[in-house]
């Protein structure tokens, strides 16, 4: 690779690192082509960009970004997963793959919205429900007081009608 190509790659990677909400690093030592293809396809379906990058280029690209804290993990074979939208889905795919392929794929670290996270934090992130489920729970929580209020309002006339009916039955019985 000539110097111009390297500079172009560093500039592109720098831009991607700045735009990414979450970045995850992994060691992929020992992975075969089939495993790598499977991982790439799963990540692509989760809208995550996955690349294998030289550590020196990655270190240069991460300068002056909030992902610079990852530089201590730029050793050995390094794969980078960039999530621009939903970091939870990226963490789920990577964590699941790391569990199924423990000898060949190991998560190193990550950055979530500028904050460095450990492998345990990535696992915790992967254990979160999906964005859609969290939104549904939030909407259910917001909707609950209104639904309860409507139920109370509906119970008042119902109770009144039942009381009138009981009075009617009592008078017809006399």
N, C-alpha and C. Protein backbone atom coordinates (compact mmCIF):
# COMPACT_ATOMS: atom_id res chain seq x y z
N UNK A 1 0.84 -1.17 0.00
CA UNK A 1 0.00 0.00 0.00
C UNK A 1 0.89 1.25 0.00
N UNK A 2 0.61 2.17 -0.91
CA UNK A 2 1.42 3.38 -0.94
C UNK A 2 0.89 4.39 0.09
N UNK A 3 1.64 5.47 0.26
CA UNK A 3 1.34 6.45 1.29
C UNK A 3 -0.01 7.13 1.06
N UNK A 4 -0.33 7.45 -0.18
CA UNK A 4 -1.60 8.12 -0.49
C UNK A 4 -2.80 7.23 -0.14
N UNK A 5 -2.70 5.95 -0.46
CA UNK A 5 -3.78 5.01 -0.16
C UNK A 5 -3.97 4.89 1.35
N UNK A 6 -2.86 4.83 2.07
CA UNK A 6 -2.95 4.75 3.52
C UNK A 6 -3.59 6.00 4.10
N UNK A 7 -3.21 7.18 3.59
CA UNK A 7 -3.80 8.43 4.09
C UNK A 7 -5.29 8.48 3.80
N UNK A 8 -5.68 7.99 2.64
CA UNK A 8 -7.10 7.97 2.28
C UNK A 8 -7.87 7.03 3.21
N UNK A 9 -7.30 5.85 3.47
CA UNK A 9 -7.94 4.90 4.38
C UNK A 9 -8.06 5.47 5.79
N UNK A 10 -7.03 6.15 6.26
CA UNK A 10 -7.05 6.75 7.59
C UNK A 10 -8.13 7.82 7.65
N UNK A 11 -8.24 8.65 6.61
CA UNK A 11 -9.25 9.71 6.59
C UNK A 11 -10.66 9.12 6.59
N UNK A 12 -10.90 8.07 5.79
CA UNK A 12 -12.22 7.41 5.75
C UNK A 12 -12.56 6.79 7.10
N UNK A 13 -11.59 6.10 7.68
CA UNK A 13 -11.81 5.45 8.97
C UNK A 13 -12.03 6.49 10.08
N UNK A 14 -11.31 7.60 10.01
CA UNK A 14 -11.50 8.68 10.99
C UNK A 14 -12.93 9.21 10.92
N UNK A 15 -13.43 9.41 9.71
CA UNK A 15 -14.81 9.88 9.53
C UNK A 15 -15.81 8.86 10.08
N UNK A 16 -15.59 7.59 9.79
CA UNK A 16 -16.49 6.54 10.28
C UNK A 16 -16.47 6.46 11.80
N UNK A 17 -15.30 6.59 12.40
CA UNK A 17 -15.19 6.55 13.86
C UNK A 17 -15.92 7.73 14.50
N UNK A 18 -15.87 8.89 13.87
CA UNK A 18 -16.57 10.05 14.42
C UNK A 18 -18.08 9.89 14.32
N UNK A 19 -18.57 9.26 13.25
CA UNK A 19 -20.01 9.10 13.06
C UNK A 19 -20.60 7.97 13.87
N UNK A 20 -19.80 6.97 14.23
CA UNK A 20 -20.30 5.77 14.90
C UNK A 20 -20.75 6.07 16.33
N UNK A 21 -21.91 5.52 16.69
CA UNK A 21 -22.39 5.62 18.07
C UNK A 21 -21.65 4.64 18.97
N UNK A 22 -21.31 3.49 18.39
CA UNK A 22 -20.61 2.46 19.16
C UNK A 22 -19.55 1.80 18.28
N UNK A 23 -18.43 1.47 18.90
CA UNK A 23 -17.34 0.79 18.21
C UNK A 23 -16.92 -0.37 19.10
N UNK A 24 -16.76 -1.55 18.49
CA UNK A 24 -16.35 -2.74 19.23
C UNK A 24 -15.10 -3.32 18.57
N UNK A 25 -14.14 -3.74 19.38
CA UNK A 25 -12.92 -4.36 18.88
C UNK A 25 -12.92 -5.84 19.24
N UNK A 26 -12.38 -6.65 18.32
CA UNK A 26 -12.33 -8.09 18.57
C UNK A 26 -11.04 -8.67 18.01
N UNK A 27 -10.62 -9.76 18.61
CA UNK A 27 -9.50 -10.55 18.13
C UNK A 27 -10.08 -11.74 17.40
N UNK A 28 -9.73 -11.90 16.13
CA UNK A 28 -10.33 -12.94 15.31
C UNK A 28 -9.33 -14.04 14.95
N UNK A 29 -8.31 -14.19 15.74
CA UNK A 29 -7.26 -15.18 15.49
C UNK A 29 -7.83 -16.59 15.38
N UNK A 30 -7.54 -17.26 14.27
CA UNK A 30 -7.96 -18.64 14.09
C UNK A 30 -9.30 -18.82 13.38
N UNK A 31 -9.96 -17.73 13.02
CA UNK A 31 -11.25 -17.86 12.33
C UNK A 31 -11.01 -18.32 10.90
N UNK A 32 -11.88 -19.22 10.44
CA UNK A 32 -11.78 -19.62 9.03
C UNK A 32 -12.72 -18.75 8.20
N UNK A 33 -12.68 -18.91 6.90
CA UNK A 33 -13.45 -18.07 5.99
C UNK A 33 -14.95 -18.25 6.21
N UNK A 34 -15.40 -19.46 6.47
CA UNK A 34 -16.82 -19.71 6.69
C UNK A 34 -17.34 -18.98 7.92
N UNK A 35 -16.57 -19.04 9.00
CA UNK A 35 -16.97 -18.34 10.23
C UNK A 35 -16.99 -16.83 10.01
N UNK A 36 -15.98 -16.30 9.32
CA UNK A 36 -15.92 -14.87 9.06
C UNK A 36 -17.09 -14.42 8.20
N UNK A 37 -17.44 -15.22 7.20
CA UNK A 37 -18.57 -14.89 6.33
C UNK A 37 -19.87 -14.89 7.11
N UNK A 38 -20.05 -15.88 7.97
CA UNK A 38 -21.25 -15.95 8.80
C UNK A 38 -21.36 -14.71 9.69
N UNK A 39 -20.26 -14.34 10.34
CA UNK A 39 -20.25 -13.16 11.20
C UNK A 39 -20.56 -11.89 10.40
N UNK A 40 -19.93 -11.74 9.25
CA UNK A 40 -20.16 -10.54 8.42
C UNK A 40 -21.63 -10.45 8.00
N UNK A 41 -22.22 -11.58 7.62
CA UNK A 41 -23.63 -11.57 7.20
C UNK A 41 -24.56 -11.19 8.36
N UNK A 42 -24.31 -11.75 9.54
CA UNK A 42 -25.13 -11.41 10.71
C UNK A 42 -25.00 -9.93 11.07
N UNK A 43 -23.78 -9.42 11.01
CA UNK A 43 -23.56 -8.01 11.33
C UNK A 43 -24.19 -7.10 10.27
N UNK A 44 -24.09 -7.51 9.02
CA UNK A 44 -24.69 -6.71 7.95
C UNK A 44 -26.21 -6.63 8.12
N UNK A 45 -26.83 -7.73 8.51
CA UNK A 45 -28.28 -7.73 8.72
C UNK A 45 -28.67 -6.86 9.93
N UNK A 46 -27.73 -6.63 10.85
CA UNK A 46 -27.98 -5.77 12.01
C UNK A 46 -27.52 -4.33 11.74
N UNK A 47 -27.18 -4.01 10.49
CA UNK A 47 -26.73 -2.67 10.08
C UNK A 47 -25.44 -2.26 10.80
N UNK A 48 -24.50 -3.19 10.87
CA UNK A 48 -23.21 -2.94 11.52
C UNK A 48 -22.11 -3.15 10.48
N UNK A 49 -21.18 -2.22 10.45
CA UNK A 49 -20.05 -2.34 9.52
C UNK A 49 -18.91 -3.05 10.24
N UNK A 50 -18.34 -4.06 9.58
CA UNK A 50 -17.29 -4.89 10.17
C UNK A 50 -16.08 -4.83 9.25
N UNK A 51 -14.91 -4.52 9.81
CA UNK A 51 -13.69 -4.42 9.03
C UNK A 51 -12.53 -5.00 9.80
N UNK A 52 -11.56 -5.47 9.04
CA UNK A 52 -10.27 -5.83 9.62
C UNK A 52 -9.32 -4.72 9.20
N UNK A 53 -8.68 -4.10 10.20
CA UNK A 53 -7.87 -2.92 9.95
C UNK A 53 -6.51 -3.10 10.61
N UNK A 54 -5.48 -2.57 9.94
CA UNK A 54 -4.15 -2.58 10.54
C UNK A 54 -4.16 -1.68 11.77
N UNK A 55 -3.48 -2.13 12.81
CA UNK A 55 -3.48 -1.40 14.07
C UNK A 55 -2.91 0.01 13.94
N UNK A 56 -1.85 0.18 13.15
CA UNK A 56 -1.26 1.51 13.01
C UNK A 56 -2.23 2.46 12.32
N UNK A 57 -2.94 2.00 11.30
CA UNK A 57 -3.92 2.84 10.62
C UNK A 57 -5.08 3.17 11.56
N UNK A 58 -5.49 2.20 12.34
CA UNK A 58 -6.58 2.41 13.29
C UNK A 58 -6.17 3.41 14.37
N UNK A 59 -4.94 3.32 14.82
CA UNK A 59 -4.45 4.26 15.82
C UNK A 59 -4.41 5.68 15.26
N UNK A 60 -3.93 5.83 14.04
CA UNK A 60 -3.90 7.16 13.42
C UNK A 60 -5.32 7.70 13.21
N UNK A 61 -6.23 6.85 12.79
CA UNK A 61 -7.60 7.28 12.52
C UNK A 61 -8.36 7.65 13.78
N UNK A 62 -8.03 7.02 14.89
CA UNK A 62 -8.77 7.27 16.14
C UNK A 62 -8.32 8.53 16.86
N UNK A 63 -7.20 9.11 16.43
CA UNK A 63 -6.73 10.35 17.07
C UNK A 63 -7.77 11.45 16.89
N UNK A 64 -7.92 12.25 17.92
CA UNK A 64 -8.86 13.38 17.94
C UNK A 64 -10.31 12.94 17.78
N UNK A 65 -10.62 11.73 18.22
CA UNK A 65 -12.01 11.27 18.27
C UNK A 65 -12.28 10.77 19.69
N UNK A 66 -13.54 10.52 20.00
CA UNK A 66 -13.85 9.99 21.33
C UNK A 66 -13.56 8.50 21.43
N UNK A 67 -13.07 7.91 20.34
CA UNK A 67 -12.71 6.48 20.35
C UNK A 67 -11.22 6.26 20.59
N UNK A 68 -10.50 7.32 20.89
CA UNK A 68 -9.06 7.25 21.09
C UNK A 68 -8.68 6.37 22.29
N UNK A 69 -9.61 6.21 23.23
CA UNK A 69 -9.34 5.39 24.42
C UNK A 69 -9.14 3.91 24.08
N UNK A 70 -9.52 3.51 22.87
CA UNK A 70 -9.35 2.11 22.46
C UNK A 70 -7.91 1.79 22.07
N UNK A 71 -7.05 2.80 21.94
CA UNK A 71 -5.70 2.59 21.41
C UNK A 71 -4.89 1.56 22.19
N UNK A 72 -5.17 1.38 23.47
CA UNK A 72 -4.44 0.38 24.26
C UNK A 72 -4.77 -1.04 23.83
N UNK A 73 -5.86 -1.22 23.07
CA UNK A 73 -6.27 -2.55 22.62
C UNK A 73 -5.85 -2.84 21.17
N UNK A 74 -5.10 -1.93 20.55
CA UNK A 74 -4.67 -2.12 19.17
C UNK A 74 -3.41 -2.98 19.13
N UNK A 75 -3.57 -4.26 19.43
CA UNK A 75 -2.46 -5.21 19.40
C UNK A 75 -2.98 -6.53 18.86
N UNK A 76 -2.16 -7.18 18.06
CA UNK A 76 -2.58 -8.44 17.46
C UNK A 76 -3.62 -8.19 16.37
N UNK A 77 -4.17 -9.26 15.83
CA UNK A 77 -5.19 -9.08 14.78
C UNK A 77 -6.41 -8.36 15.36
N UNK A 78 -6.82 -7.27 14.71
CA UNK A 78 -7.92 -6.47 15.24
C UNK A 78 -9.00 -6.30 14.18
N UNK A 79 -10.22 -6.67 14.58
CA UNK A 79 -11.40 -6.42 13.75
C UNK A 79 -12.21 -5.35 14.47
N UNK A 80 -12.84 -4.49 13.69
CA UNK A 80 -13.60 -3.40 14.25
C UNK A 80 -15.03 -3.46 13.73
N UNK A 81 -15.98 -3.31 14.64
CA UNK A 81 -17.40 -3.29 14.27
C UNK A 81 -17.92 -1.90 14.61
N UNK A 82 -18.49 -1.24 13.60
CA UNK A 82 -18.99 0.12 13.77
C UNK A 82 -20.51 0.12 13.68
N UNK A 83 -21.16 0.64 14.71
CA UNK A 83 -22.61 0.72 14.73
C UNK A 83 -23.01 2.19 14.71
N UNK A 84 -23.78 2.56 13.69
CA UNK A 84 -24.19 3.95 13.54
C UNK A 84 -25.58 4.21 14.12
N UNK A 85 -26.39 3.16 14.29
CA UNK A 85 -27.77 3.34 14.74
C UNK A 85 -28.06 2.68 16.08
N UNK A 86 -28.01 1.35 16.11
CA UNK A 86 -28.44 0.60 17.29
C UNK A 86 -27.28 -0.20 17.86
N UNK A 87 -26.60 0.31 18.89
CA UNK A 87 -25.47 -0.41 19.46
C UNK A 87 -25.86 -1.73 20.12
N UNK A 88 -27.11 -1.85 20.57
CA UNK A 88 -27.55 -3.08 21.25
C UNK A 88 -27.54 -4.25 20.27
N UNK A 89 -28.02 -4.03 19.05
CA UNK A 89 -28.06 -5.13 18.08
C UNK A 89 -26.64 -5.58 17.72
N UNK A 90 -25.72 -4.63 17.60
CA UNK A 90 -24.33 -4.99 17.31
C UNK A 90 -23.74 -5.80 18.46
N UNK A 91 -23.99 -5.36 19.68
CA UNK A 91 -23.47 -6.08 20.84
C UNK A 91 -24.06 -7.48 20.93
N UNK A 92 -25.35 -7.62 20.59
CA UNK A 92 -25.99 -8.94 20.62
C UNK A 92 -25.32 -9.90 19.64
N UNK A 93 -25.11 -9.44 18.41
CA UNK A 93 -24.50 -10.31 17.39
C UNK A 93 -23.08 -10.68 17.79
N UNK A 94 -22.29 -9.70 18.18
CA UNK A 94 -20.89 -9.96 18.54
C UNK A 94 -20.78 -10.85 19.77
N UNK A 95 -21.59 -10.59 20.77
CA UNK A 95 -21.55 -11.38 22.00
C UNK A 95 -21.97 -12.83 21.73
N UNK A 96 -23.03 -13.00 20.94
CA UNK A 96 -23.49 -14.36 20.60
C UNK A 96 -22.41 -15.11 19.83
N UNK A 97 -21.77 -14.42 18.87
CA UNK A 97 -20.73 -15.08 18.08
C UNK A 97 -19.52 -15.43 18.95
N UNK A 98 -19.18 -14.55 19.89
CA UNK A 98 -18.05 -14.81 20.79
C UNK A 98 -18.34 -16.02 21.69
N UNK A 99 -19.62 -16.21 22.06
CA UNK A 99 -19.99 -17.37 22.88
C UNK A 99 -19.93 -18.67 22.07
N UNK A 100 -20.35 -18.61 20.80
CA UNK A 100 -20.37 -19.82 19.98
C UNK A 100 -18.98 -20.17 19.44
N UNK A 101 -18.09 -19.20 19.33
CA UNK A 101 -16.74 -19.42 18.81
C UNK A 101 -15.69 -18.92 19.81
N UNK A 102 -15.65 -19.45 21.03
CA UNK A 102 -14.77 -18.89 22.06
C UNK A 102 -13.27 -19.04 21.77
N UNK A 103 -12.91 -20.00 20.95
CA UNK A 103 -11.49 -20.22 20.68
C UNK A 103 -10.96 -19.34 19.57
N UNK A 104 -11.84 -18.83 18.71
CA UNK A 104 -11.38 -18.08 17.55
C UNK A 104 -11.80 -16.62 17.53
N UNK A 105 -12.77 -16.23 18.32
CA UNK A 105 -13.28 -14.86 18.28
C UNK A 105 -13.45 -14.36 19.71
N UNK A 106 -12.69 -13.32 20.04
CA UNK A 106 -12.74 -12.77 21.40
C UNK A 106 -12.93 -11.26 21.32
N UNK A 107 -13.90 -10.77 22.05
CA UNK A 107 -14.10 -9.33 22.13
C UNK A 107 -12.99 -8.73 22.99
N UNK A 108 -12.50 -7.57 22.58
CA UNK A 108 -11.44 -6.90 23.33
C UNK A 108 -11.98 -5.77 24.19
N UNK A 109 -12.72 -4.85 23.55
CA UNK A 109 -13.24 -3.68 24.25
C UNK A 109 -14.20 -2.95 23.32
N UNK A 110 -14.70 -1.84 23.79
CA UNK A 110 -15.60 -1.04 22.96
C UNK A 110 -15.72 0.37 23.48
N UNK A 111 -16.40 1.19 22.68
CA UNK A 111 -16.72 2.56 23.07
C UNK A 111 -18.17 2.79 22.71
N UNK A 112 -18.93 3.28 23.68
CA UNK A 112 -20.35 3.57 23.48
C UNK A 112 -20.57 5.04 23.80
N UNK A 113 -20.96 5.79 22.78
CA UNK A 113 -21.18 7.25 22.88
C UNK A 113 -20.04 7.95 23.64
N UNK A 114 -18.82 7.62 23.26
CA UNK A 114 -17.66 8.30 23.82
C UNK A 114 -17.09 7.70 25.08
N UNK A 115 -17.75 6.71 25.67
CA UNK A 115 -17.29 6.12 26.93
C UNK A 115 -16.75 4.72 26.67
N UNK A 116 -15.55 4.45 27.14
CA UNK A 116 -14.94 3.13 26.98
C UNK A 116 -15.73 2.10 27.78
N UNK A 117 -15.95 0.94 27.18
CA UNK A 117 -16.65 -0.14 27.88
C UNK A 117 -15.84 -1.43 27.77
N UNK A 118 -15.96 -2.26 28.78
CA UNK A 118 -15.22 -3.52 28.83
C UNK A 118 -16.03 -4.63 28.16
N UNK A 119 -15.46 -5.81 28.10
CA UNK A 119 -16.15 -6.96 27.54
C UNK A 119 -17.40 -7.29 28.36
N UNK A 120 -17.30 -7.15 29.68
CA UNK A 120 -18.47 -7.40 30.54
C UNK A 120 -19.58 -6.39 30.25
N UNK A 121 -19.20 -5.14 29.99
CA UNK A 121 -20.19 -4.12 29.65
C UNK A 121 -20.85 -4.43 28.30
N UNK A 122 -20.07 -4.94 27.37
CA UNK A 122 -20.62 -5.32 26.06
C UNK A 122 -21.64 -6.44 26.25
N UNK A 123 -21.32 -7.40 27.13
CA UNK A 123 -22.25 -8.49 27.41
C UNK A 123 -23.52 -7.95 28.06
N UNK A 124 -23.40 -7.00 28.97
CA UNK A 124 -24.57 -6.39 29.60
C UNK A 124 -25.42 -5.66 28.58
N UNK A 125 -24.76 -4.99 27.67
CA UNK A 125 -25.47 -4.29 26.59
C UNK A 125 -26.22 -5.28 25.71
N UNK A 126 -25.60 -6.42 25.45
CA UNK A 126 -26.23 -7.46 24.62
C UNK A 126 -27.43 -8.08 25.31
N UNK A 127 -27.44 -8.07 26.64
CA UNK A 127 -28.56 -8.65 27.38
C UNK A 127 -29.78 -7.73 27.44
N UNK A 128 -29.62 -6.48 27.03
CA UNK A 128 -30.76 -5.56 27.02
C UNK A 128 -31.80 -6.00 25.98
N UNK A 129 -33.05 -5.70 26.23
CA UNK A 129 -34.07 -5.98 25.20
C UNK A 129 -33.83 -5.08 23.99
N UNK A 130 -34.41 -5.45 22.87
CA UNK A 130 -34.22 -4.66 21.66
C UNK A 130 -34.86 -3.28 21.80
N UNK A 131 -34.51 -2.40 20.93
CA UNK A 131 -35.02 -1.03 20.95
C UNK A 131 -36.54 -1.01 20.87
N UNK A 132 -37.10 -1.84 20.00
CA UNK A 132 -38.54 -1.89 19.83
C UNK A 132 -39.25 -2.33 21.12
N UNK A 133 -38.68 -3.32 21.80
CA UNK A 133 -39.27 -3.80 23.05
C UNK A 133 -39.21 -2.70 24.12
N UNK A 134 -38.08 -2.00 24.19
CA UNK A 134 -37.95 -0.93 25.17
C UNK A 134 -38.95 0.21 24.88
N UNK A 135 -39.13 0.54 23.62
CA UNK A 135 -40.11 1.57 23.25
C UNK A 135 -41.52 1.12 23.60
N UNK A 136 -41.83 -0.14 23.33
CA UNK A 136 -43.16 -0.67 23.66
C UNK A 136 -43.41 -0.62 25.17
N UNK A 137 -42.40 -0.97 25.96
CA UNK A 137 -42.55 -0.91 27.42
C UNK A 137 -42.75 0.53 27.88
N UNK A 138 -42.01 1.45 27.29
CA UNK A 138 -42.15 2.86 27.66
C UNK A 138 -43.55 3.36 27.32
N UNK A 139 -44.04 3.04 26.14
CA UNK A 139 -45.38 3.46 25.75
C UNK A 139 -46.44 2.83 26.64
N UNK A 140 -46.25 1.58 27.00
CA UNK A 140 -47.18 0.92 27.92
C UNK A 140 -47.20 1.61 29.28
N UNK A 141 -46.03 2.01 29.75
CA UNK A 141 -45.94 2.71 31.03
C UNK A 141 -46.61 4.08 30.95
N UNK A 142 -46.41 4.77 29.85
CA UNK A 142 -47.04 6.08 29.66
C UNK A 142 -48.55 5.94 29.55
N UNK A 143 -49.00 4.88 28.88
CA UNK A 143 -50.42 4.67 28.63
C UNK A 143 -51.18 4.14 29.86
N UNK A 144 -50.50 3.51 30.79
CA UNK A 144 -51.15 2.87 31.94
C UNK A 144 -51.99 3.83 32.78
N UNK A 145 -51.50 5.00 33.18
CA UNK A 145 -52.35 5.89 33.99
C UNK A 145 -53.61 6.33 33.25
N UNK A 146 -53.50 6.58 31.97
CA UNK A 146 -54.67 7.00 31.19
C UNK A 146 -55.68 5.85 31.13
N UNK A 147 -55.20 4.64 30.89
CA UNK A 147 -56.10 3.49 30.82
C UNK A 147 -56.78 3.26 32.18
N UNK A 148 -56.04 3.39 33.25
CA UNK A 148 -56.63 3.23 34.59
C UNK A 148 -57.67 4.30 34.87
N UNK A 149 -57.40 5.54 34.48
CA UNK A 149 -58.34 6.63 34.67
C UNK A 149 -59.63 6.38 33.90
N UNK A 150 -59.50 5.91 32.67
CA UNK A 150 -60.68 5.59 31.86
C UNK A 150 -61.47 4.46 32.51
N UNK A 151 -60.78 3.48 33.05
CA UNK A 151 -61.45 2.38 33.75
C UNK A 151 -62.23 2.87 34.96
N UNK A 152 -61.64 3.79 35.72
CA UNK A 152 -62.32 4.35 36.89
C UNK A 152 -63.55 5.14 36.45
N UNK A 153 -63.38 5.94 35.41
CA UNK A 153 -64.52 6.72 34.91
C UNK A 153 -65.64 5.82 34.41
N UNK A 154 -65.31 4.74 33.79
CA UNK A 154 -66.32 3.81 33.28
C UNK A 154 -66.99 3.06 34.44
N UNK A 155 -66.29 2.86 35.53
CA UNK A 155 -66.85 2.11 36.67
C UNK A 155 -67.92 2.89 37.40
N UNK A 156 -67.80 4.21 37.44
CA UNK A 156 -68.77 5.03 38.17
C UNK A 156 -70.18 4.89 37.58
N UNK A 157 -70.38 5.11 36.27
CA UNK A 157 -71.74 4.93 35.74
C UNK A 157 -72.21 3.48 35.85
N UNK A 158 -71.29 2.53 35.68
CA UNK A 158 -71.65 1.12 35.81
C UNK A 158 -72.16 0.80 37.20
N UNK A 159 -71.48 1.33 38.22
CA UNK A 159 -71.91 1.12 39.61
C UNK A 159 -73.27 1.77 39.84
N UNK A 160 -73.47 2.96 39.29
CA UNK A 160 -74.73 3.66 39.43
C UNK A 160 -75.88 2.85 38.81
N UNK A 161 -75.65 2.31 37.61
CA UNK A 161 -76.67 1.50 36.94
C UNK A 161 -76.97 0.24 37.75
N UNK A 162 -75.94 -0.41 38.29
CA UNK A 162 -76.16 -1.61 39.10
C UNK A 162 -76.94 -1.27 40.37
N UNK A 163 -76.66 -0.13 40.98
CA UNK A 163 -77.39 0.29 42.18
C UNK A 163 -78.86 0.56 41.84
N UNK A 164 -79.11 1.23 40.72
CA UNK A 164 -80.49 1.47 40.30
C UNK A 164 -81.21 0.16 40.02
N UNK A 165 -80.52 -0.76 39.39
CA UNK A 165 -81.10 -2.08 39.09
C UNK A 165 -81.43 -2.82 40.38
N UNK A 166 -80.56 -2.73 41.38
CA UNK A 166 -80.81 -3.40 42.67
C UNK A 166 -82.02 -2.79 43.36
N UNK A 167 -82.16 -1.45 43.26
CA UNK A 167 -83.33 -0.78 43.86
C UNK A 167 -84.61 -1.23 43.14
N UNK A 168 -84.55 -1.33 41.81
CA UNK A 168 -85.69 -1.75 41.01
C UNK A 168 -86.13 -3.17 41.40
N UNK A 169 -85.14 -4.08 41.51
CA UNK A 169 -85.43 -5.46 41.88
C UNK A 169 -86.03 -5.52 43.28
N UNK A 170 -85.50 -4.71 44.17
CA UNK A 170 -86.02 -4.69 45.55
C UNK A 170 -87.46 -4.18 45.59
N UNK A 171 -87.78 -3.14 44.83
CA UNK A 171 -89.15 -2.60 44.82
C UNK A 171 -90.12 -3.55 44.14
N UNK A 172 -89.67 -4.26 43.09
CA UNK A 172 -90.54 -5.23 42.43
C UNK A 172 -90.81 -6.41 43.33
N UNK A 173 -89.89 -6.72 44.21
CA UNK A 173 -90.07 -7.82 45.15
C UNK A 173 -91.07 -7.50 46.23
N UNK A 174 -91.29 -6.26 46.58
CA UNK A 174 -92.25 -5.86 47.63
C UNK A 174 -93.60 -5.82 47.11
